[in-house]
């Protein structure tokens, strides 16, 4: 192999979402180790000529208002499209409005 993909790397409270209902957008989840351990894993892979792909999902976010950005400013559209466009019914998540 010359490539590995690390999936569900962003923090997500709902395990069954497999990282598609993220709650932490700027750092890797701590459930699999420390940031330094992740950097070491990537450095070792690179030293062996292995490409590392990170499956970072910023399109979907947790609908949970307690630990996510949903309702952050008291509205339903601070970071997301307003419903119904801003809700992904199959994944039960919110969809970002990248125009903002």
PDB file of N, CA and C in Angstrom:
ATOM      1  N   UNK A   1       0.833  -1.178   0.000  1.00  0.00           N
ATOM      2  CA  UNK A   1       0.000   0.000   0.000  1.00  0.00           C
ATOM      3  C   UNK A   1       0.879   1.244   0.000  1.00  0.00           C
ATOM      4  N   UNK A   2       0.367   2.306  -0.623  1.00  0.00           N
ATOM      5  CA  UNK A   2       1.107   3.567  -0.622  1.00  0.00           C
ATOM      6  C   UNK A   2       0.276   4.717  -0.048  1.00  0.00           C
ATOM      7  N   UNK A   3      -0.898   4.368   0.491  1.00  0.00           N
ATOM      8  CA  UNK A   3      -1.789   5.400   1.007  1.00  0.00           C
ATOM      9  C   UNK A   3      -2.689   4.810   2.093  1.00  0.00           C
ATOM     10  N   UNK A   4      -2.950   5.614   3.128  1.00  0.00           N
ATOM     11  CA  UNK A   4      -3.952   5.237   4.129  1.00  0.00           C
ATOM     12  C   UNK A   4      -4.904   6.414   4.310  1.00  0.00           C
ATOM     13  N   UNK A   5      -6.132   6.113   4.650  1.00  0.00           N
ATOM     14  CA  UNK A   5      -7.114   7.158   4.909  1.00  0.00           C
ATOM     15  C   UNK A   5      -7.605   7.002   6.339  1.00  0.00           C
ATOM     16  N   UNK A   6      -7.498   8.064   7.108  1.00  0.00           N
ATOM     17  CA  UNK A   6      -7.995   8.080   8.483  1.00  0.00           C
ATOM     18  C   UNK A   6      -9.365   8.728   8.463  1.00  0.00           C
ATOM     19  N   UNK A   7     -10.363   7.950   8.849  1.00  0.00           N
ATOM     20  CA  UNK A   7     -11.737   8.436   8.781  1.00  0.00           C
ATOM     21  C   UNK A   7     -12.256   8.792  10.171  1.00  0.00           C
ATOM     22  N   UNK A   8     -13.253   9.636  10.182  1.00  0.00           N
ATOM     23  CA  UNK A   8     -13.905  10.076  11.426  1.00  0.00           C
ATOM     24  C   UNK A   8     -12.906  10.692  12.387  1.00  0.00           C
ATOM     25  N   UNK A   9     -12.050  11.539  11.855  1.00  0.00           N
ATOM     26  CA  UNK A   9     -10.976  12.102  12.671  1.00  0.00           C
ATOM     27  C   UNK A   9     -11.429  13.294  13.523  1.00  0.00           C
ATOM     28  N   UNK A  10     -12.464  14.010  13.091  1.00  0.00           N
ATOM     29  CA  UNK A  10     -12.955  15.153  13.853  1.00  0.00           C
ATOM     30  C   UNK A  10     -13.821  14.654  15.019  1.00  0.00           C
ATOM     31  N   UNK A  11     -13.869  15.440  16.083  1.00  0.00           N
ATOM     32  CA  UNK A  11     -14.663  15.045  17.252  1.00  0.00           C
ATOM     33  C   UNK A  11     -16.141  14.964  16.876  1.00  0.00           C
ATOM     34  N   UNK A  12     -16.775  13.888  17.289  1.00  0.00           N
ATOM     35  CA  UNK A  12     -18.198  13.693  17.042  1.00  0.00           C
ATOM     36  C   UNK A  12     -18.772  12.920  18.223  1.00  0.00           C
ATOM     37  N   UNK A  13     -19.838  13.456  18.788  1.00  0.00           N
ATOM     38  CA  UNK A  13     -20.414  12.864  19.999  1.00  0.00           C
ATOM     39  C   UNK A  13     -21.202  11.600  19.708  1.00  0.00           C
ATOM     40  N   UNK A  14     -21.818  11.519  18.541  1.00  0.00           N
ATOM     41  CA  UNK A  14     -22.667  10.378  18.192  1.00  0.00           C
ATOM     42  C   UNK A  14     -21.834   9.394  17.387  1.00  0.00           C
ATOM     43  N   UNK A  15     -21.413   8.300  18.012  1.00  0.00           N
ATOM     44  CA  UNK A  15     -20.481   7.369  17.383  1.00  0.00           C
ATOM     45  C   UNK A  15     -21.023   6.781  16.079  1.00  0.00           C
ATOM     46  N   UNK A  16     -22.320   6.509  16.040  1.00  0.00           N
ATOM     47  CA  UNK A  16     -22.906   5.893  14.851  1.00  0.00           C
ATOM     48  C   UNK A  16     -22.857   6.814  13.628  1.00  0.00           C
ATOM     49  N   UNK A  17     -22.614   8.102  13.840  1.00  0.00           N
ATOM     50  CA  UNK A  17     -22.524   9.024  12.707  1.00  0.00           C
ATOM     51  C   UNK A  17     -21.207   8.861  11.957  1.00  0.00           C
ATOM     52  N   UNK A  18     -20.267   8.170  12.563  1.00  0.00           N
ATOM     53  CA  UNK A  18     -18.947   7.923  11.980  1.00  0.00           C
ATOM     54  C   UNK A  18     -18.288   9.214  11.501  1.00  0.00           C
ATOM     55  N   UNK A  19     -18.432  10.253  12.303  1.00  0.00           N
ATOM     56  CA  UNK A  19     -17.748  11.496  12.016  1.00  0.00           C
ATOM     57  C   UNK A  19     -18.503  12.467  11.148  1.00  0.00           C
ATOM     58  N   UNK A  20     -19.762  12.176  10.834  1.00  0.00           N
ATOM     59  CA  UNK A  20     -20.529  13.072   9.988  1.00  0.00           C
ATOM     60  C   UNK A  20     -21.459  13.972  10.786  1.00  0.00           C
ATOM     61  N   UNK A  21     -21.331  13.992  12.077  1.00  0.00           N
ATOM     62  CA  UNK A  21     -22.033  14.949  12.922  1.00  0.00           C
ATOM     63  C   UNK A  21     -21.003  15.552  13.857  1.00  0.00           C
ATOM     64  N   UNK A  22     -20.061  16.274  13.280  1.00  0.00           N
ATOM     65  CA  UNK A  22     -18.915  16.758  14.041  1.00  0.00           C
ATOM     66  C   UNK A  22     -19.309  17.872  14.999  1.00  0.00           C
ATOM     67  N   UNK A  23     -18.562  17.945  16.086  1.00  0.00           N
ATOM     68  CA  UNK A  23     -18.782  18.978  17.092  1.00  0.00           C
ATOM     69  C   UNK A  23     -17.537  19.823  17.320  1.00  0.00           C
ATOM     70  N   UNK A  24     -16.395  19.372  16.878  1.00  0.00           N
ATOM     71  CA  UNK A  24     -15.151  20.129  16.987  1.00  0.00           C
ATOM     72  C   UNK A  24     -14.558  20.240  15.593  1.00  0.00           C
ATOM     73  N   UNK A  25     -14.467  21.457  15.088  1.00  0.00           N
ATOM     74  CA  UNK A  25     -14.137  21.675  13.689  1.00  0.00           C
ATOM     75  C   UNK A  25     -12.667  21.948  13.429  1.00  0.00           C
ATOM     76  N   UNK A  26     -11.884  22.158  14.463  1.00  0.00           N
ATOM     77  CA  UNK A  26     -10.524  22.627  14.254  1.00  0.00           C
ATOM     78  C   UNK A  26      -9.459  21.712  14.849  1.00  0.00           C
ATOM     79  N   UNK A  27      -9.866  20.573  15.360  1.00  0.00           N
ATOM     80  CA  UNK A  27      -8.896  19.658  15.957  1.00  0.00           C
ATOM     81  C   UNK A  27      -9.382  18.221  15.825  1.00  0.00           C
ATOM     82  N   UNK A  28      -8.436  17.326  15.806  1.00  0.00           N
ATOM     83  CA  UNK A  28      -8.774  15.904  15.748  1.00  0.00           C
ATOM     84  C   UNK A  28      -9.362  15.450  17.075  1.00  0.00           C
ATOM     85  N   UNK A  29     -10.184  14.426  17.016  1.00  0.00           N
ATOM     86  CA  UNK A  29     -10.780  13.861  18.216  1.00  0.00           C
ATOM     87  C   UNK A  29      -9.693  13.350  19.158  1.00  0.00           C
ATOM     88  N   UNK A  30      -9.930  13.478  20.435  1.00  0.00           N
ATOM     89  CA  UNK A  30      -8.978  12.984  21.425  1.00  0.00           C
ATOM     90  C   UNK A  30      -9.242  11.532  21.794  1.00  0.00           C
ATOM     91  N   UNK A  31     -10.313  10.944  21.275  1.00  0.00           N
ATOM     92  CA  UNK A  31     -10.659   9.576  21.690  1.00  0.00           C
ATOM     93  C   UNK A  31      -9.668   8.530  21.191  1.00  0.00           C
ATOM     94  N   UNK A  32      -8.847   8.883  20.205  1.00  0.00           N
ATOM     95  CA  UNK A  32      -7.883   7.919  19.662  1.00  0.00           C
ATOM     96  C   UNK A  32      -6.449   8.256  20.031  1.00  0.00           C
ATOM     97  N   UNK A  33      -6.248   9.286  20.806  1.00  0.00           N
ATOM     98  CA  UNK A  33      -4.903   9.666  21.201  1.00  0.00           C
ATOM     99  C   UNK A  33      -4.744  11.170  21.231  1.00  0.00           C
ATOM    100  N   UNK A  34      -3.539  11.587  21.534  1.00  0.00           N
ATOM    101  CA  UNK A  34      -3.246  13.012  21.629  1.00  0.00           C
ATOM    102  C   UNK A  34      -2.909  13.573  20.249  1.00  0.00           C
ATOM    103  N   UNK A  35      -2.959  14.883  20.096  1.00  0.00           N
ATOM    104  CA  UNK A  35      -2.539  15.482  18.823  1.00  0.00           C
ATOM    105  C   UNK A  35      -1.091  15.116  18.455  1.00  0.00           C
ATOM    106  N   UNK A  36      -0.216  15.047  19.449  1.00  0.00           N
ATOM    107  CA  UNK A  36       1.171  14.665  19.175  1.00  0.00           C
ATOM    108  C   UNK A  36       1.270  13.225  18.672  1.00  0.00           C
ATOM    109  N   UNK A  37       0.433  12.337  19.203  1.00  0.00           N
ATOM    110  CA  UNK A  37       0.434  10.952  18.725  1.00  0.00           C
ATOM    111  C   UNK A  37      -0.071  10.870  17.285  1.00  0.00           C
ATOM    112  N   UNK A  38      -1.055  11.676  16.951  1.00  0.00           N
ATOM    113  CA  UNK A  38      -1.536  11.710  15.571  1.00  0.00           C
ATOM    114  C   UNK A  38      -0.443  12.232  14.642  1.00  0.00           C
ATOM    115  N   UNK A  39       0.226  13.303  15.053  1.00  0.00           N
ATOM    116  CA  UNK A  39       1.320  13.840  14.242  1.00  0.00           C
ATOM    117  C   UNK A  39       2.424  12.806  14.068  1.00  0.00           C
ATOM    118  N   UNK A  40       2.735  12.057  15.116  1.00  0.00           N
ATOM    119  CA  UNK A  40       3.767  11.025  15.020  1.00  0.00           C
ATOM    120  C   UNK A  40       3.342   9.922  14.046  1.00  0.00           C
ATOM    121  N   UNK A  41       2.092   9.487  14.123  1.00  0.00           N
ATOM    122  CA  UNK A  41       1.603   8.466  13.204  1.00  0.00           C
ATOM    123  C   UNK A  41       1.751   8.932  11.754  1.00  0.00           C
ATOM    124  N   UNK A  42       1.370  10.178  11.497  1.00  0.00           N
ATOM    125  CA  UNK A  42       1.471  10.729  10.142  1.00  0.00           C
ATOM    126  C   UNK A  42       2.930  10.862   9.717  1.00  0.00           C
ATOM    127  N   UNK A  43       3.786  11.329  10.621  1.00  0.00           N
ATOM    128  CA  UNK A  43       5.215  11.457  10.303  1.00  0.00           C
ATOM    129  C   UNK A  43       5.846  10.103   9.978  1.00  0.00           C
ATOM    130  N   UNK A  44       5.502   9.079  10.754  1.00  0.00           N
ATOM    131  CA  UNK A  44       6.044   7.741  10.499  1.00  0.00           C
ATOM    132  C   UNK A  44       5.558   7.222   9.147  1.00  0.00           C
ATOM    133  N   UNK A  45       4.278   7.415   8.868  1.00  0.00           N
ATOM    134  CA  UNK A  45       3.750   6.979   7.573  1.00  0.00           C
ATOM    135  C   UNK A  45       4.477   7.701   6.439  1.00  0.00           C
ATOM    136  N   UNK A  46       4.646   9.008   6.571  1.00  0.00           N
ATOM    137  CA  UNK A  46       5.346   9.770   5.538  1.00  0.00           C
ATOM    138  C   UNK A  46       6.784   9.299   5.379  1.00  0.00           C
ATOM    139  N   UNK A  47       7.431   8.955   6.478  1.00  0.00           N
ATOM    140  CA  UNK A  47       8.827   8.487   6.402  1.00  0.00           C
ATOM    141  C   UNK A  47       8.934   7.162   5.658  1.00  0.00           C
ATOM    142  N   UNK A  48       7.809   6.430   5.580  1.00  0.00           N
ATOM    143  CA  UNK A  48       7.773   5.156   4.868  1.00  0.00           C
ATOM    144  C   UNK A  48       7.241   5.331   3.439  1.00  0.00           C
ATOM    145  N   UNK A  49       7.047   6.589   3.018  1.00  0.00           N
ATOM    146  CA  UNK A  49       6.547   6.860   1.680  1.00  0.00           C
ATOM    147  C   UNK A  49       5.053   6.648   1.530  1.00  0.00           C
ATOM    148  N   UNK A  50       4.336   6.643   2.643  1.00  0.00           N
ATOM    149  CA  UNK A  50       2.887   6.418   2.618  1.00  0.00           C
ATOM    150  C   UNK A  50       2.163   7.759   2.698  1.00  0.00           C
ATOM    151  N   UNK A  51       1.264   7.983   1.774  1.00  0.00           N
ATOM    152  CA  UNK A  51       0.433   9.181   1.772  1.00  0.00           C
ATOM    153  C   UNK A  51      -0.667   8.999   2.816  1.00  0.00           C
ATOM    154  N   UNK A  52      -0.981  10.052   3.562  1.00  0.00           N
ATOM    155  CA  UNK A  52      -2.033  10.001   4.573  1.00  0.00           C
ATOM    156  C   UNK A  52      -3.150  10.952   4.171  1.00  0.00           C
ATOM    157  N   UNK A  53      -4.344  10.418   4.015  1.00  0.00           N
ATOM    158  CA  UNK A  53      -5.531  11.211   3.726  1.00  0.00           C
ATOM    159  C   UNK A  53      -6.356  11.321   4.997  1.00  0.00           C
ATOM    160  N   UNK A  54      -6.777  12.527   5.337  1.00  0.00           N
ATOM    161  CA  UNK A  54      -7.635  12.734   6.499  1.00  0.00           C
ATOM    162  C   UNK A  54      -9.046  13.015   6.011  1.00  0.00           C
ATOM    163  N   UNK A  55      -9.992  12.223   6.447  1.00  0.00           N
ATOM    164  CA  UNK A  55     -11.386  12.416   6.090  1.00  0.00           C
ATOM    165  C   UNK A  55     -11.960  13.461   7.040  1.00  0.00           C
ATOM    166  N   UNK A  56     -11.823  14.721   6.659  1.00  0.00           N
ATOM    167  CA  UNK A  56     -12.305  15.833   7.472  1.00  0.00           C
ATOM    168  C   UNK A  56     -13.632  16.294   6.889  1.00  0.00           C
ATOM    169  N   UNK A  57     -14.674  16.169   7.677  1.00  0.00           N
ATOM    170  CA  UNK A  57     -16.022  16.471   7.201  1.00  0.00           C
ATOM    171  C   UNK A  57     -16.471  17.806   7.770  1.00  0.00           C
ATOM    172  N   UNK A  58     -16.449  18.828   6.937  1.00  0.00           N
ATOM    173  CA  UNK A  58     -16.954  20.122   7.377  1.00  0.00           C
ATOM    174  C   UNK A  58     -18.328  20.442   6.804  1.00  0.00           C
ATOM    175  N   UNK A  59     -18.823  19.589   5.932  1.00  0.00           N
ATOM    176  CA  UNK A  59     -20.132  19.850   5.332  1.00  0.00           C
ATOM    177  C   UNK A  59     -21.270  19.589   6.303  1.00  0.00           C
ATOM    178  N   UNK A  60     -21.077  18.632   7.187  1.00  0.00           N
ATOM    179  CA  UNK A  60     -22.131  18.231   8.113  1.00  0.00           C
ATOM    180  C   UNK A  60     -21.713  18.545   9.545  1.00  0.00           C
ATOM    181  N   UNK A  61     -22.682  18.868  10.356  1.00  0.00           N
ATOM    182  CA  UNK A  61     -22.408  19.179  11.756  1.00  0.00           C
ATOM    183  C   UNK A  61     -23.532  18.636  12.632  1.00  0.00           C
ATOM    184  N   UNK A  62     -23.203  18.442  13.875  1.00  0.00           N
ATOM    185  CA  UNK A  62     -24.180  17.961  14.841  1.00  0.00           C
ATOM    186  C   UNK A  62     -25.326  18.953  14.987  1.00  0.00           C
ATOM    187  N   UNK A  63     -26.550  18.421  15.086  1.00  0.00           N
ATOM    188  CA  UNK A  63     -27.720  19.266  15.353  1.00  0.00           C
ATOM    189  C   UNK A  63     -27.838  19.596  16.837  1.00  0.00           C
ATOM    190  N   UNK A  64     -27.054  18.934  17.659  1.00  0.00           N
ATOM    191  CA  UNK A  64     -27.109  19.122  19.103  1.00  0.00           C
ATOM    192  C   UNK A  64     -26.702  20.550  19.464  1.00  0.00           C
ATOM    193  N   UNK A  65     -27.549  21.257  20.161  1.00  0.00           N
ATOM    194  CA  UNK A  65     -27.242  22.634  20.546  1.00  0.00           C
ATOM    195  C   UNK A  65     -26.361  22.705  21.786  1.00  0.00           C
ATOM    196  N   UNK A  66     -26.156  21.597  22.473  1.00  0.00           N
ATOM    197  CA  UNK A  66     -25.343  21.596  23.688  1.00  0.00           C
ATOM    198  C   UNK A  66     -23.843  21.535  23.395  1.00  0.00           C
ATOM    199  N   UNK A  67     -23.449  20.793  22.371  1.00  0.00           N
ATOM    200  CA  UNK A  67     -22.014  20.632  22.131  1.00  0.00           C
ATOM    201  C   UNK A  67     -21.591  20.996  20.711  1.00  0.00           C
ATOM    202  N   UNK A  68     -22.518  21.500  19.917  1.00  0.00           N
ATOM    203  CA  UNK A  68     -22.194  21.866  18.548  1.00  0.00           C
ATOM    204  C   UNK A  68     -22.455  23.338  18.282  1.00  0.00           C
ATOM    205  N   UNK A  69     -22.393  23.721  17.018  1.00  0.00           N
ATOM    206  CA  UNK A  69     -22.622  25.109  16.632  1.00  0.00           C
ATOM    207  C   UNK A  69     -24.073  25.407  16.284  1.00  0.00           C
ATOM    208  N   UNK A  70     -24.931  24.380  16.270  1.00  0.00           N
ATOM    209  CA  UNK A  70     -26.336  24.594  15.940  1.00  0.00           C
ATOM    210  C   UNK A  70     -26.960  25.525  16.975  1.00  0.00           C
ATOM    211  N   UNK A  71     -27.562  26.604  16.519  1.00  0.00           N
ATOM    212  CA  UNK A  71     -28.188  27.553  17.433  1.00  0.00           C
ATOM    213  C   UNK A  71     -27.193  28.403  18.190  1.00  0.00           C
ATOM    214  N   UNK A  72     -25.957  28.484  17.732  1.00  0.00           N
ATOM    215  CA  UNK A  72     -24.882  29.191  18.440  1.00  0.00           C
ATOM    216  C   UNK A  72     -25.260  30.632  18.774  1.00  0.00           C
ATOM    217  N   UNK A  73     -25.890  31.312  17.830  1.00  0.00           N
ATOM    218  CA  UNK A  73     -26.260  32.712  18.056  1.00  0.00           C
ATOM    219  C   UNK A  73     -27.754  32.875  18.357  1.00  0.00           C
ATOM    220  N   UNK A  74     -28.437  31.768  18.614  1.00  0.00           N
ATOM    221  CA  UNK A  74     -29.861  31.816  18.899  1.00  0.00           C
ATOM    222  C   UNK A  74     -30.725  31.679  17.665  1.00  0.00           C
ATOM    223  N   UNK A  75     -30.106  31.640  16.500  1.00  0.00           N
ATOM    224  CA  UNK A  75     -30.877  31.465  15.267  1.00  0.00           C
ATOM    225  C   UNK A  75     -30.635  30.062  14.713  1.00  0.00           C
ATOM    226  N   UNK A  76     -31.339  29.749  13.630  1.00  0.00           N
ATOM    227  CA  UNK A  76     -31.126  28.440  13.012  1.00  0.00           C
ATOM    228  C   UNK A  76     -30.190  28.536  11.815  1.00  0.00           C
ATOM    229  N   UNK A  77     -29.578  29.726  11.609  1.00  0.00           N
ATOM    230  CA  UNK A  77     -28.801  29.895  10.387  1.00  0.00           C
ATOM    231  C   UNK A  77     -27.514  30.702  10.565  1.00  0.00           C
ATOM    232  N   UNK A  78     -26.954  30.718  11.740  1.00  0.00           N
ATOM    233  CA  UNK A  78     -25.701  31.440  11.956  1.00  0.00           C
ATOM    234  C   UNK A  78     -24.586  30.889  11.063  1.00  0.00           C
ATOM    235  N   UNK A  79     -24.380  29.601  11.083  1.00  0.00           N
ATOM    236  CA  UNK A  79     -23.344  28.956  10.278  1.00  0.00           C
ATOM    237  C   UNK A  79     -23.929  28.057   9.196  1.00  0.00           C
ATOM    238  N   UNK A  80     -25.231  27.842   9.243  1.00  0.00           N
ATOM    239  CA  UNK A  80     -25.882  26.860   8.382  1.00  0.00           C
ATOM    240  C   UNK A  80     -26.904  27.515   7.465  1.00  0.00           C
ATOM    241  N   UNK A  81     -27.303  26.791   6.444  1.00  0.00           N
ATOM    242  CA  UNK A  81     -28.448  27.221   5.652  1.00  0.00           C
ATOM    243  C   UNK A  81     -29.685  27.096   6.533  1.00  0.00           C
ATOM    244  N   UNK A  82     -30.656  27.955   6.313  1.00  0.00           N
ATOM    245  CA  UNK A  82     -31.921  27.826   7.030  1.00  0.00           C
ATOM    246  C   UNK A  82     -32.628  26.559   6.562  1.00  0.00           C
ATOM    247  N   UNK A  83     -33.441  25.974   7.430  1.00  0.00           N
ATOM    248  CA  UNK A  83     -34.210  24.807   7.013  1.00  0.00           C
ATOM    249  C   UNK A  83     -35.147  25.172   5.868  1.00  0.00           C
ATOM    250  N   UNK A  84     -35.476  24.275   4.974  1.00  0.00           N
ATOM    251  CA  UNK A  84     -35.091  22.871   4.994  1.00  0.00           C
ATOM    252  C   UNK A  84     -33.728  22.600   4.356  1.00  0.00           C
ATOM    253  N   UNK A  85     -33.189  23.578   3.600  1.00  0.00           N
ATOM    254  CA  UNK A  85     -31.902  23.347   2.927  1.00  0.00           C
ATOM    255  C   UNK A  85     -30.784  23.024   3.923  1.00  0.00           C
ATOM    256  N   UNK A  86     -30.825  23.574   5.093  1.00  0.00           N
ATOM    257  CA  UNK A  86     -29.763  23.401   6.071  1.00  0.00           C
ATOM    258  C   UNK A  86     -29.852  22.146   6.917  1.00  0.00           C
ATOM    259  N   UNK A  87     -30.777  21.269   6.605  1.00  0.00           N
ATOM    260  CA  UNK A  87     -30.922  20.033   7.369  1.00  0.00           C
ATOM    261  C   UNK A  87     -30.794  18.835   6.438  1.00  0.00           C
ATOM    262  N   UNK A  88     -29.935  17.907   6.807  1.00  0.00           N
ATOM    263  CA  UNK A  88     -29.771  16.671   6.033  1.00  0.00           C
ATOM    264  C   UNK A  88     -30.560  15.590   6.756  1.00  0.00           C
ATOM    265  N   UNK A  89     -31.723  15.265   6.231  1.00  0.00           N
ATOM    266  CA  UNK A  89     -32.634  14.360   6.940  1.00  0.00           C
ATOM    267  C   UNK A  89     -32.094  12.929   7.038  1.00  0.00           C
ATOM    268  N   UNK A  90     -31.357  12.454   6.047  1.00  0.00           N
ATOM    269  CA  UNK A  90     -30.842  11.082   6.098  1.00  0.00           C
ATOM    270  C   UNK A  90     -29.747  10.916   7.142  1.00  0.00           C
ATOM    271  N   UNK A  91     -28.950  11.969   7.367  1.00  0.00           N
ATOM    272  CA  UNK A  91     -27.851  11.879   8.332  1.00  0.00           C
ATOM    273  C   UNK A  91     -28.164  12.618   9.624  1.00  0.00           C
ATOM    274  N   UNK A  92     -29.347  13.226   9.698  1.00  0.00           N
ATOM    275  CA  UNK A  92     -29.773  13.951  10.892  1.00  0.00           C
ATOM    276  C   UNK A  92     -28.720  14.975  11.324  1.00  0.00           C
ATOM    277  N   UNK A  93     -28.256  15.756  10.351  1.00  0.00           N
ATOM    278  CA  UNK A  93     -27.205  16.733  10.622  1.00  0.00           C
ATOM    279  C   UNK A  93     -27.570  18.079  10.008  1.00  0.00           C
ATOM    280  N   UNK A  94     -26.807  19.090  10.356  1.00  0.00           N
ATOM    281  CA  UNK A  94     -26.950  20.427   9.780  1.00  0.00           C
ATOM    282  C   UNK A  94     -25.940  20.590   8.659  1.00  0.00           C
ATOM    283  N   UNK A  95     -26.266  21.419   7.662  1.00  0.00           N
ATOM    284  CA  UNK A  95     -25.400  21.650   6.506  1.00  0.00           C
ATOM    285  C   UNK A  95     -24.911  23.096   6.515  1.00  0.00           C
ATOM    286  N   UNK A  96     -23.594  23.244   6.408  1.00  0.00           N
ATOM    287  CA  UNK A  96     -22.983  24.575   6.449  1.00  0.00           C
ATOM    288  C   UNK A  96     -23.354  25.421   5.246  1.00  0.00           C
ATOM    289  N   UNK A  97     -23.424  26.707   5.490  1.00  0.00           N
ATOM    290  CA  UNK A  97     -23.591  27.690   4.445  1.00  0.00           C
ATOM    291  C   UNK A  97     -22.202  28.287   4.197  1.00  0.00           C
ATOM    292  N   UNK A  98     -21.528  27.804   3.178  1.00  0.00           N
ATOM    293  CA  UNK A  98     -20.153  28.251   2.905  1.00  0.00           C
ATOM    294  C   UNK A  98     -20.089  29.668   2.376  1.00  0.00           C
ATOM    295  N   UNK A  99     -21.216  30.248   1.980  1.00  0.00           N
ATOM    296  CA  UNK A  99     -21.223  31.628   1.517  1.00  0.00           C
ATOM    297  C   UNK A  99     -20.948  32.603   2.660  1.00  0.00           C
ATOM    298  N   UNK A 100     -21.109  32.141   3.874  1.00  0.00           N
ATOM    299  CA  UNK A 100     -20.868  33.015   5.024  1.00  0.00           C
ATOM    300  C   UNK A 100     -19.431  32.917   5.411  1.00  0.00           C
TER     301      UNK A 100
END
